[in-house]
């Protein structure tokens, strides 16, 4: 975003004109900035000596055009490619529909149900589960594909 001539511009377009055209409330993405932010995060982690595995929250970025931009930030299956973090089986399925590979999707869930496991366990996702989900975490690890990973964190 920037201001030019007293007008707020988003991705080079006048914000008021966008609101009049599409109505409000309106959420506007600058797809170039989405890509820049993801690359900046990858670069910062790389400079810190880490091998980045950037996963952006699908909940915060559901727009198909934005997901296509992220999908193009690395070759499919490349560990350095930008992936998605899902917090429901529906988000996992949406990620797959948008062209992301299971290996590029992490699942962060609490209170994981058996029905959730029916969707996520067969896929080689990285699982991030809280200790409150530890009983289902054990079930997920037992049922999951060999490349799945379950991480649990003790309460603080």
N, C-alpha and C. Protein backbone atom coordinates (compact mmCIF):
# COMPACT_ATOMS: atom_id res chain seq x y z
N UNK A 1 0.84 -1.17 0.00
CA UNK A 1 0.00 0.00 0.00
C UNK A 1 0.88 1.23 0.00
N UNK A 2 0.37 2.25 -0.63
CA UNK A 2 1.05 3.53 -0.61
C UNK A 2 0.01 4.62 -0.85
N UNK A 3 0.40 5.83 -0.55
CA UNK A 3 -0.47 6.98 -0.78
C UNK A 3 0.13 7.79 -1.91
N UNK A 4 -0.68 8.13 -2.90
CA UNK A 4 -0.24 8.95 -4.02
C UNK A 4 -1.35 9.93 -4.36
N UNK A 5 -0.99 11.20 -4.41
CA UNK A 5 -1.99 12.22 -4.72
C UNK A 5 -3.13 12.24 -3.72
N UNK A 6 -2.83 11.91 -2.47
CA UNK A 6 -3.85 11.91 -1.43
C UNK A 6 -4.78 10.70 -1.49
N UNK A 7 -4.46 9.72 -2.31
CA UNK A 7 -5.30 8.52 -2.46
C UNK A 7 -4.54 7.29 -1.97
N UNK A 8 -5.23 6.41 -1.27
CA UNK A 8 -4.66 5.16 -0.82
C UNK A 8 -4.70 4.17 -1.99
N UNK A 9 -3.52 3.63 -2.33
CA UNK A 9 -3.42 2.67 -3.42
C UNK A 9 -3.02 1.31 -2.86
N UNK A 10 -3.67 0.27 -3.37
CA UNK A 10 -3.34 -1.11 -3.03
C UNK A 10 -3.04 -1.81 -4.34
N UNK A 11 -1.82 -2.31 -4.46
CA UNK A 11 -1.38 -2.96 -5.70
C UNK A 11 -1.58 -2.03 -6.89
N UNK A 12 -1.36 -0.73 -6.65
CA UNK A 12 -1.47 0.26 -7.72
C UNK A 12 -2.89 0.68 -8.05
N UNK A 13 -3.87 0.17 -7.30
CA UNK A 13 -5.28 0.51 -7.57
C UNK A 13 -5.85 1.34 -6.43
N UNK A 14 -6.69 2.27 -6.77
CA UNK A 14 -7.31 3.16 -5.80
C UNK A 14 -8.25 2.38 -4.88
N UNK A 15 -7.98 2.45 -3.56
CA UNK A 15 -8.75 1.67 -2.59
C UNK A 15 -10.23 2.07 -2.58
N UNK A 16 -10.51 3.36 -2.68
CA UNK A 16 -11.92 3.79 -2.68
C UNK A 16 -12.65 3.26 -3.92
N UNK A 17 -11.99 3.31 -5.06
CA UNK A 17 -12.61 2.80 -6.29
C UNK A 17 -12.88 1.30 -6.17
N UNK A 18 -11.96 0.56 -5.57
CA UNK A 18 -12.17 -0.87 -5.36
C UNK A 18 -13.38 -1.11 -4.46
N UNK A 19 -13.49 -0.32 -3.39
CA UNK A 19 -14.61 -0.47 -2.46
C UNK A 19 -15.93 -0.15 -3.15
N UNK A 20 -15.95 0.87 -3.97
CA UNK A 20 -17.18 1.22 -4.69
C UNK A 20 -17.55 0.13 -5.70
N UNK A 21 -16.54 -0.44 -6.34
CA UNK A 21 -16.78 -1.48 -7.35
C UNK A 21 -17.25 -2.79 -6.74
N UNK A 22 -16.65 -3.18 -5.60
CA UNK A 22 -16.92 -4.50 -5.02
C UNK A 22 -17.73 -4.47 -3.74
N UNK A 23 -17.95 -3.30 -3.16
CA UNK A 23 -18.66 -3.20 -1.90
C UNK A 23 -17.72 -3.42 -0.72
N UNK A 24 -18.26 -3.16 0.47
CA UNK A 24 -17.47 -3.33 1.68
C UNK A 24 -18.27 -4.19 2.66
N UNK A 25 -17.63 -4.87 3.58
CA UNK A 25 -16.18 -4.89 3.76
C UNK A 25 -15.51 -5.60 2.58
N UNK A 26 -14.28 -5.22 2.34
CA UNK A 26 -13.52 -5.77 1.22
C UNK A 26 -12.10 -6.05 1.66
N UNK A 27 -11.60 -7.22 1.34
CA UNK A 27 -10.22 -7.58 1.64
C UNK A 27 -9.48 -7.61 0.32
N UNK A 28 -8.42 -6.82 0.21
CA UNK A 28 -7.68 -6.71 -1.04
C UNK A 28 -6.26 -7.20 -0.83
N UNK A 29 -5.80 -8.09 -1.70
CA UNK A 29 -4.44 -8.62 -1.65
C UNK A 29 -3.58 -7.94 -2.69
N UNK A 30 -2.36 -7.65 -2.32
CA UNK A 30 -1.33 -7.25 -3.28
C UNK A 30 -0.49 -8.50 -3.49
N UNK A 31 -0.73 -9.20 -4.59
CA UNK A 31 -0.11 -10.50 -4.81
C UNK A 31 1.40 -10.42 -4.89
N UNK A 32 1.92 -9.30 -5.37
CA UNK A 32 3.37 -9.13 -5.41
C UNK A 32 3.93 -9.08 -3.98
N UNK A 33 3.21 -8.39 -3.09
CA UNK A 33 3.66 -8.30 -1.69
C UNK A 33 3.56 -9.65 -0.99
N UNK A 34 2.57 -10.46 -1.33
CA UNK A 34 2.45 -11.79 -0.75
C UNK A 34 3.70 -12.59 -1.09
N UNK A 35 4.10 -12.56 -2.37
CA UNK A 35 5.29 -13.29 -2.80
C UNK A 35 6.54 -12.72 -2.13
N UNK A 36 6.64 -11.39 -2.06
CA UNK A 36 7.81 -10.75 -1.43
C UNK A 36 7.93 -11.16 0.03
N UNK A 37 6.82 -11.19 0.75
CA UNK A 37 6.84 -11.54 2.18
C UNK A 37 7.29 -12.99 2.37
N UNK A 38 6.79 -13.89 1.54
CA UNK A 38 7.19 -15.29 1.65
C UNK A 38 8.67 -15.46 1.34
N UNK A 39 9.14 -14.80 0.29
CA UNK A 39 10.57 -14.89 -0.05
C UNK A 39 11.45 -14.27 1.04
N UNK A 40 10.99 -13.15 1.60
CA UNK A 40 11.77 -12.49 2.66
C UNK A 40 11.91 -13.42 3.87
N UNK A 41 10.85 -14.12 4.20
CA UNK A 41 10.91 -15.06 5.32
C UNK A 41 11.88 -16.21 5.00
N UNK A 42 11.78 -16.75 3.79
CA UNK A 42 12.72 -17.81 3.38
C UNK A 42 14.16 -17.31 3.47
N UNK A 43 14.40 -16.11 2.93
CA UNK A 43 15.76 -15.56 2.92
C UNK A 43 16.28 -15.33 4.34
N UNK A 44 15.45 -14.78 5.22
CA UNK A 44 15.87 -14.51 6.59
C UNK A 44 16.23 -15.81 7.31
N UNK A 45 15.44 -16.83 7.13
CA UNK A 45 15.74 -18.11 7.77
C UNK A 45 17.01 -18.72 7.18
N UNK A 46 17.19 -18.58 5.87
CA UNK A 46 18.40 -19.08 5.24
C UNK A 46 19.64 -18.37 5.73
N UNK A 47 19.57 -17.04 5.89
CA UNK A 47 20.71 -16.27 6.41
C UNK A 47 21.04 -16.65 7.85
N UNK A 48 20.05 -17.14 8.58
CA UNK A 48 20.27 -17.57 9.97
C UNK A 48 20.86 -18.98 10.02
N UNK A 49 21.13 -19.54 8.85
CA UNK A 49 21.72 -20.87 8.80
C UNK A 49 20.72 -22.00 8.88
N UNK A 50 19.46 -21.69 8.72
CA UNK A 50 18.41 -22.71 8.79
C UNK A 50 17.97 -23.11 7.38
N UNK A 51 17.49 -24.31 7.26
CA UNK A 51 16.90 -24.74 6.00
C UNK A 51 15.40 -24.48 6.11
N UNK A 52 14.92 -23.41 5.50
CA UNK A 52 13.52 -23.02 5.72
C UNK A 52 12.52 -23.97 5.08
N UNK A 53 11.48 -24.20 5.83
CA UNK A 53 10.30 -24.90 5.34
C UNK A 53 9.12 -24.00 5.70
N UNK A 54 8.90 -23.00 4.89
CA UNK A 54 7.89 -21.99 5.16
C UNK A 54 6.51 -22.54 4.82
N UNK A 55 5.62 -22.46 5.78
CA UNK A 55 4.23 -22.87 5.60
C UNK A 55 3.35 -21.71 6.07
N UNK A 56 2.60 -21.14 5.17
CA UNK A 56 1.73 -20.02 5.51
C UNK A 56 0.33 -20.54 5.86
N UNK A 57 -0.29 -19.91 6.84
CA UNK A 57 -1.60 -20.36 7.32
C UNK A 57 -2.66 -20.17 6.25
N UNK A 58 -3.29 -21.26 5.86
CA UNK A 58 -4.36 -21.19 4.86
C UNK A 58 -5.50 -20.32 5.37
N UNK A 59 -5.75 -20.37 6.66
CA UNK A 59 -6.84 -19.58 7.22
C UNK A 59 -6.67 -18.09 6.93
N UNK A 60 -5.42 -17.63 6.87
CA UNK A 60 -5.15 -16.21 6.63
C UNK A 60 -5.04 -15.89 5.14
N UNK A 61 -4.99 -16.89 4.29
CA UNK A 61 -4.71 -16.63 2.88
C UNK A 61 -5.43 -17.66 2.02
N UNK A 62 -6.75 -17.51 1.88
CA UNK A 62 -7.57 -18.51 1.18
C UNK A 62 -7.81 -18.18 -0.29
N UNK A 63 -7.53 -16.98 -0.70
CA UNK A 63 -7.84 -16.53 -2.06
C UNK A 63 -7.07 -17.38 -3.09
N UNK A 64 -7.78 -18.01 -4.05
CA UNK A 64 -7.11 -18.87 -5.03
C UNK A 64 -5.96 -18.17 -5.78
N UNK A 65 -6.13 -16.91 -6.15
CA UNK A 65 -5.06 -16.21 -6.87
C UNK A 65 -3.80 -16.10 -6.00
N UNK A 66 -3.98 -15.83 -4.71
CA UNK A 66 -2.83 -15.75 -3.80
C UNK A 66 -2.18 -17.11 -3.64
N UNK A 67 -2.98 -18.16 -3.56
CA UNK A 67 -2.43 -19.51 -3.43
C UNK A 67 -1.65 -19.91 -4.69
N UNK A 68 -2.13 -19.48 -5.86
CA UNK A 68 -1.38 -19.76 -7.09
C UNK A 68 -0.03 -19.07 -7.08
N UNK A 69 0.03 -17.85 -6.55
CA UNK A 69 1.31 -17.13 -6.44
C UNK A 69 2.25 -17.91 -5.53
N UNK A 70 1.77 -18.35 -4.39
CA UNK A 70 2.60 -19.13 -3.47
C UNK A 70 3.05 -20.44 -4.10
N UNK A 71 2.15 -21.07 -4.82
CA UNK A 71 2.47 -22.36 -5.46
C UNK A 71 3.65 -22.22 -6.43
N UNK A 72 3.78 -21.05 -7.05
CA UNK A 72 4.84 -20.82 -8.03
C UNK A 72 6.17 -20.43 -7.38
N UNK A 73 6.25 -20.31 -6.07
CA UNK A 73 7.48 -19.87 -5.41
C UNK A 73 8.51 -20.98 -5.25
N UNK A 74 8.22 -22.14 -5.69
CA UNK A 74 9.19 -23.23 -5.64
C UNK A 74 8.63 -24.40 -6.40
N UNK A 75 9.49 -25.22 -6.94
CA UNK A 75 8.99 -26.38 -7.68
C UNK A 75 8.25 -27.34 -6.74
N UNK A 76 7.15 -27.94 -7.20
CA UNK A 76 6.42 -28.88 -6.35
C UNK A 76 7.34 -29.95 -5.79
N UNK A 77 7.19 -30.21 -4.49
CA UNK A 77 7.99 -31.23 -3.83
C UNK A 77 9.32 -30.74 -3.31
N UNK A 78 9.77 -29.56 -3.72
CA UNK A 78 11.04 -29.00 -3.25
C UNK A 78 10.86 -28.56 -1.81
N UNK A 79 11.74 -29.00 -0.89
CA UNK A 79 11.59 -28.60 0.52
C UNK A 79 11.64 -27.09 0.71
N UNK A 80 12.23 -26.36 -0.22
CA UNK A 80 12.30 -24.91 -0.08
C UNK A 80 11.04 -24.23 -0.63
N UNK A 81 10.15 -24.98 -1.26
CA UNK A 81 8.92 -24.39 -1.79
C UNK A 81 8.06 -23.91 -0.62
N UNK A 82 7.28 -22.88 -0.87
CA UNK A 82 6.36 -22.40 0.15
C UNK A 82 5.16 -23.33 0.19
N UNK A 83 4.79 -23.73 1.39
CA UNK A 83 3.64 -24.61 1.56
C UNK A 83 2.59 -23.95 2.42
N UNK A 84 1.65 -24.75 2.86
CA UNK A 84 0.53 -24.23 3.65
C UNK A 84 0.41 -24.98 4.97
N UNK A 85 -0.13 -24.28 5.96
CA UNK A 85 -0.48 -24.90 7.23
C UNK A 85 -1.99 -24.89 7.33
N UNK A 86 -2.58 -26.05 7.54
CA UNK A 86 -4.02 -26.19 7.65
C UNK A 86 -4.40 -26.52 9.09
N UNK A 87 -5.58 -26.12 9.50
CA UNK A 87 -6.01 -26.44 10.86
C UNK A 87 -7.32 -27.23 10.88
N UNK A 88 -7.73 -27.72 9.71
CA UNK A 88 -8.91 -28.58 9.65
C UNK A 88 -8.75 -29.50 8.45
N UNK A 89 -9.44 -30.63 8.46
CA UNK A 89 -9.39 -31.50 7.28
C UNK A 89 -9.86 -30.78 6.02
N UNK A 90 -10.85 -29.90 6.15
CA UNK A 90 -11.32 -29.14 5.00
C UNK A 90 -10.23 -28.27 4.40
N UNK A 91 -9.41 -27.67 5.27
CA UNK A 91 -8.30 -26.86 4.77
C UNK A 91 -7.24 -27.73 4.11
N UNK A 92 -7.02 -28.93 4.62
CA UNK A 92 -6.09 -29.85 3.97
C UNK A 92 -6.58 -30.16 2.56
N UNK A 93 -7.87 -30.48 2.44
CA UNK A 93 -8.43 -30.80 1.13
C UNK A 93 -8.36 -29.59 0.18
N UNK A 94 -8.62 -28.41 0.69
CA UNK A 94 -8.52 -27.19 -0.14
C UNK A 94 -7.08 -27.00 -0.62
N UNK A 95 -6.11 -27.23 0.25
CA UNK A 95 -4.70 -27.11 -0.13
C UNK A 95 -4.37 -28.06 -1.28
N UNK A 96 -4.85 -29.29 -1.18
CA UNK A 96 -4.61 -30.28 -2.23
C UNK A 96 -5.28 -29.85 -3.53
N UNK A 97 -6.52 -29.33 -3.43
CA UNK A 97 -7.24 -28.85 -4.62
C UNK A 97 -6.50 -27.71 -5.31
N UNK A 98 -5.75 -26.93 -4.54
CA UNK A 98 -5.02 -25.78 -5.10
C UNK A 98 -3.64 -26.18 -5.60
N UNK A 99 -3.35 -27.48 -5.64
CA UNK A 99 -2.12 -27.95 -6.25
C UNK A 99 -0.95 -28.19 -5.32
N UNK A 100 -1.15 -28.06 -4.02
CA UNK A 100 -0.07 -28.32 -3.08
C UNK A 100 0.02 -29.82 -2.83
N UNK A 101 1.24 -30.32 -2.72
CA UNK A 101 1.46 -31.73 -2.42
C UNK A 101 1.29 -31.97 -0.92
N UNK A 102 0.89 -33.18 -0.51
CA UNK A 102 0.74 -33.45 0.92
C UNK A 102 2.00 -33.11 1.72
N UNK A 103 3.18 -33.35 1.13
CA UNK A 103 4.44 -33.06 1.82
C UNK A 103 4.66 -31.57 2.04
N UNK A 104 3.90 -30.73 1.34
CA UNK A 104 4.02 -29.28 1.46
C UNK A 104 2.96 -28.69 2.39
N UNK A 105 2.23 -29.57 3.06
CA UNK A 105 1.15 -29.15 3.94
C UNK A 105 1.43 -29.63 5.35
N UNK A 106 1.34 -28.72 6.30
CA UNK A 106 1.39 -29.13 7.70
C UNK A 106 -0.03 -28.99 8.25
N UNK A 107 -0.31 -29.79 9.27
CA UNK A 107 -1.63 -29.77 9.90
C UNK A 107 -1.42 -29.45 11.37
N UNK A 108 -1.97 -28.33 11.80
CA UNK A 108 -1.89 -27.93 13.20
C UNK A 108 -3.29 -28.03 13.77
N UNK A 109 -3.48 -29.00 14.66
CA UNK A 109 -4.82 -29.22 15.16
C UNK A 109 -4.88 -29.44 16.64
N UNK A 110 -6.01 -29.08 17.19
CA UNK A 110 -6.32 -29.39 18.59
C UNK A 110 -7.64 -30.14 18.58
N UNK A 111 -7.83 -30.99 19.58
CA UNK A 111 -9.07 -31.77 19.68
C UNK A 111 -9.37 -32.51 18.38
N UNK A 112 -8.36 -33.22 17.88
CA UNK A 112 -8.49 -33.95 16.63
C UNK A 112 -9.44 -35.13 16.83
N UNK A 113 -10.44 -35.21 15.98
CA UNK A 113 -11.43 -36.28 16.10
C UNK A 113 -11.05 -37.47 15.23
N UNK A 114 -11.74 -38.57 15.45
CA UNK A 114 -11.54 -39.75 14.60
C UNK A 114 -11.88 -39.42 13.16
N UNK A 115 -12.91 -38.63 12.96
CA UNK A 115 -13.30 -38.23 11.60
C UNK A 115 -12.21 -37.40 10.95
N UNK A 116 -11.57 -36.51 11.73
CA UNK A 116 -10.42 -35.74 11.22
C UNK A 116 -9.32 -36.69 10.78
N UNK A 117 -9.04 -37.70 11.62
CA UNK A 117 -7.98 -38.65 11.33
C UNK A 117 -8.26 -39.44 10.05
N UNK A 118 -9.54 -39.69 9.78
CA UNK A 118 -9.88 -40.40 8.55
C UNK A 118 -9.38 -39.65 7.32
N UNK A 119 -9.35 -38.32 7.40
CA UNK A 119 -8.89 -37.49 6.27
C UNK A 119 -7.38 -37.31 6.30
N UNK A 120 -6.83 -36.96 7.48
CA UNK A 120 -5.43 -36.54 7.52
C UNK A 120 -4.43 -37.68 7.67
N UNK A 121 -4.83 -38.77 8.34
CA UNK A 121 -3.86 -39.84 8.63
C UNK A 121 -3.30 -40.53 7.39
N UNK A 122 -4.07 -40.74 6.33
CA UNK A 122 -3.50 -41.41 5.16
C UNK A 122 -2.51 -40.54 4.37
N UNK A 123 -2.43 -39.27 4.68
CA UNK A 123 -1.58 -38.35 3.92
C UNK A 123 -0.25 -38.11 4.63
N UNK A 124 0.84 -37.96 3.88
CA UNK A 124 2.15 -37.70 4.50
C UNK A 124 2.31 -36.22 4.89
N UNK A 125 1.46 -35.79 5.82
CA UNK A 125 1.50 -34.41 6.33
C UNK A 125 2.43 -34.34 7.52
N UNK A 126 2.95 -33.15 7.80
CA UNK A 126 3.63 -32.90 9.07
C UNK A 126 2.54 -32.51 10.05
N UNK A 127 2.42 -33.24 11.15
CA UNK A 127 1.36 -32.98 12.12
C UNK A 127 1.92 -32.22 13.31
N UNK A 128 1.28 -31.13 13.67
CA UNK A 128 1.59 -30.36 14.88
C UNK A 128 0.38 -30.48 15.79
N UNK A 129 0.52 -31.25 16.86
CA UNK A 129 -0.61 -31.49 17.75
C UNK A 129 -0.26 -31.09 19.16
N UNK A 130 -1.22 -30.54 19.89
CA UNK A 130 -0.99 -30.16 21.27
C UNK A 130 -1.10 -31.40 22.16
N UNK A 131 -0.62 -31.26 23.38
CA UNK A 131 -0.72 -32.39 24.32
C UNK A 131 -2.16 -32.75 24.61
N UNK A 132 -3.07 -31.78 24.49
CA UNK A 132 -4.47 -32.11 24.71
C UNK A 132 -4.98 -33.07 23.64
N UNK A 133 -4.23 -33.17 22.56
CA UNK A 133 -4.60 -34.11 21.51
C UNK A 133 -3.69 -35.33 21.54
N UNK A 134 -3.00 -35.57 22.67
CA UNK A 134 -1.99 -36.63 22.70
C UNK A 134 -2.57 -38.01 22.46
N UNK A 135 -3.78 -38.28 22.92
CA UNK A 135 -4.34 -39.61 22.67
C UNK A 135 -4.60 -39.80 21.19
N UNK A 136 -5.11 -38.77 20.53
CA UNK A 136 -5.33 -38.90 19.10
C UNK A 136 -4.01 -38.76 18.34
N UNK A 137 -3.01 -38.10 18.94
CA UNK A 137 -1.70 -38.01 18.29
C UNK A 137 -1.10 -39.39 18.15
N UNK A 138 -1.24 -40.20 19.19
CA UNK A 138 -0.73 -41.57 19.12
C UNK A 138 -1.46 -42.35 18.05
N UNK A 139 -2.76 -42.16 17.98
CA UNK A 139 -3.53 -42.84 16.94
C UNK A 139 -3.13 -42.35 15.56
N UNK A 140 -2.89 -41.04 15.44
CA UNK A 140 -2.50 -40.47 14.14
C UNK A 140 -1.16 -41.04 13.71
N UNK A 141 -0.21 -41.11 14.64
CA UNK A 141 1.11 -41.63 14.30
C UNK A 141 1.02 -43.08 13.88
N UNK A 142 0.16 -43.84 14.53
CA UNK A 142 0.01 -45.25 14.19
C UNK A 142 -0.67 -45.45 12.85
N UNK A 143 -1.57 -44.54 12.49
CA UNK A 143 -2.35 -44.69 11.26
C UNK A 143 -1.75 -43.94 10.09
N UNK A 144 -0.86 -43.00 10.36
CA UNK A 144 -0.36 -42.11 9.31
C UNK A 144 0.60 -42.80 8.37
N UNK A 145 0.78 -42.15 7.22
CA UNK A 145 1.77 -42.63 6.25
C UNK A 145 3.15 -42.55 6.87
N UNK A 146 4.11 -43.35 6.42
CA UNK A 146 5.43 -43.41 7.04
C UNK A 146 6.16 -42.07 7.13
N UNK A 147 5.87 -41.13 6.22
CA UNK A 147 6.63 -39.88 6.26
C UNK A 147 5.97 -38.81 7.12
N UNK A 148 4.85 -39.15 7.76
CA UNK A 148 4.20 -38.16 8.62
C UNK A 148 5.02 -37.96 9.89
N UNK A 149 4.89 -36.79 10.47
CA UNK A 149 5.61 -36.46 11.70
C UNK A 149 4.63 -35.84 12.67
N UNK A 150 4.57 -36.32 13.88
CA UNK A 150 3.70 -35.74 14.90
C UNK A 150 4.57 -35.05 15.93
N UNK A 151 4.32 -33.78 16.15
CA UNK A 151 5.04 -33.01 17.17
C UNK A 151 4.05 -32.66 18.27
N UNK A 152 4.43 -32.90 19.50
CA UNK A 152 3.58 -32.51 20.62
C UNK A 152 4.35 -31.57 21.50
N UNK A 153 3.63 -30.72 22.22
CA UNK A 153 4.26 -29.75 23.09
C UNK A 153 3.60 -29.83 24.45
N UNK A 154 4.41 -29.94 25.49
CA UNK A 154 3.87 -30.02 26.85
C UNK A 154 3.30 -28.67 27.26
N UNK A 155 2.27 -28.69 28.11
CA UNK A 155 1.72 -27.42 28.59
C UNK A 155 2.78 -26.66 29.37
N UNK A 156 2.73 -25.35 29.28
CA UNK A 156 3.73 -24.50 29.97
C UNK A 156 3.32 -24.21 31.39
